[in-house]
Protein backbone atom coordinates (compact mmCIF):
# COMPACT_ATOMS: atom_id res chain seq x y z
CA MET A 1 -4.28 2.96 8.84
CA CYS A 2 -5.23 3.53 12.45
CA GLU A 3 -2.89 6.53 12.66
CA ILE A 4 -4.51 8.10 9.60
CA VAL A 5 -8.00 7.73 11.11
CA ARG A 6 -6.72 9.00 14.48
CA ALA A 7 -5.25 12.07 12.75
CA MET A 8 -8.55 12.69 10.95
CA ILE A 9 -10.38 12.56 14.30
CA ALA A 10 -7.79 14.79 16.01
CA GLY A 11 -8.02 17.21 13.07
CA GLN A 12 -11.80 17.36 13.58
CA LEU A 13 -12.58 15.99 10.10
CA LEU A 14 -15.23 13.69 11.56
CA ASP A 15 -18.02 15.98 12.72
CA GLY A 16 -18.90 15.55 16.39
CA VAL A 17 -16.22 12.91 17.03
CA LYS A 18 -13.49 13.51 19.60
CA LEU A 19 -10.63 11.20 20.62
CA ASP A 20 -11.84 11.06 24.23
CA THR A 21 -15.46 10.19 23.34
CA LEU A 22 -15.16 7.44 20.71
CA THR A 23 -18.05 5.02 20.23
CA PRO A 24 -18.60 2.17 17.76
CA ASN A 25 -20.53 4.68 15.57
CA SER A 26 -17.74 7.26 15.53
CA ILE A 27 -16.45 6.23 12.12
CA ASP A 28 -19.78 5.63 10.37
CA ASN A 29 -19.08 8.47 7.92
CA LEU A 30 -15.62 7.21 6.99
CA ASP A 31 -15.48 6.65 3.24
CA CYS A 32 -12.72 4.62 1.61
CA PRO A 33 -11.84 4.17 -2.07
CA GLY A 34 -14.43 2.12 -3.96
CA ASP A 35 -17.92 2.44 -5.33
CA GLU A 36 -21.04 2.84 -3.22
CA ASP A 37 -22.48 -0.34 -4.77
CA SER A 38 -19.43 -2.49 -4.03
CA SER A 39 -16.69 -2.93 -1.46
CA GLU A 40 -14.99 0.18 -0.13
CA ILE A 41 -11.60 -0.96 1.08
CA CYS A 42 -9.23 1.19 3.15
CA ALA A 43 -6.34 -1.23 3.58
CA VAL A 44 -5.41 -4.81 2.72
CA SER A 45 -2.83 -7.35 3.82
CA GLY A 46 -1.52 -10.50 2.23
CA GLY A 47 -0.91 -11.98 5.67
CA SER A 48 -2.39 -11.74 9.12
CA ALA A 49 -3.33 -8.52 10.92
CA PRO A 50 -0.29 -8.58 13.27
CA GLN A 51 2.06 -8.42 10.26
CA ASN A 52 2.02 -4.62 10.27
CA TYR A 53 4.80 -4.46 7.68
CA ALA A 54 2.51 -6.09 5.10
CA TRP A 55 -0.42 -3.66 5.11
CA TYR A 56 -1.17 -1.56 2.03
CA ILE A 57 -3.36 1.53 2.25
CA MET A 58 -5.55 1.97 -0.82
CA LEU A 59 -5.19 5.62 -1.76
CA GLU A 60 -4.05 5.66 -5.39
CA GLY A 61 -5.84 8.50 -7.11
CA VAL A 62 -8.29 9.05 -4.26
CA SER A 63 -8.19 9.77 -0.57
CA LEU A 64 -9.91 8.78 2.64
CA THR A 65 -12.78 11.10 3.41
CA SER A 66 -15.37 11.57 6.09
CA ALA A 67 -18.64 13.33 5.30
CA GLN A 68 -17.04 14.22 1.94
CA ARG A 69 -14.15 16.04 3.63
CA PRO A 70 -11.40 16.91 3.00
CA LEU A 71 -12.20 18.07 -0.51
CA TRP A 72 -9.11 17.75 -2.68
CA GLU A 73 -8.54 19.09 -6.15
CA MET A 74 -6.11 17.01 -8.13
CA GLU A 75 -3.35 18.95 -9.88
CA PRO A 76 -4.18 18.89 -13.63
CA LYS A 77 -0.96 17.14 -14.73
CA SER A 78 -1.43 14.49 -12.05
CA LYS A 79 -5.01 13.94 -13.23
CA GLU A 80 -3.77 13.53 -16.81
CA LYS A 81 -1.24 10.92 -15.68
CA LEU A 82 -3.89 9.03 -13.69
CA ASP A 83 -6.36 9.12 -16.59
CA LEU A 84 -3.66 7.86 -18.95
CA LYS A 85 -2.72 5.05 -16.55
CA ASN A 86 -6.36 4.03 -16.13
CA SER A 87 -6.93 3.94 -19.90
CA ILE A 88 -4.17 1.37 -20.47
């Protein structure tokens, strides 16, 4: 998870944030899967934080974004499969 966020910062996807000038507010625009009115969860673990082999990143059907970037368009057949899976 940390490597993904680091890559987003290095790739300049977080406006005005640079790796050498990070502050506690640097990731305020980070948006994870979930609804605005409920929890937005980026990653979960069934164990403790040091158990790095047990972390799951929540990206099924959506992606991490910052300030609504990057903008992805889902391939139509993939969208059909996701819609079908969600309707079951």
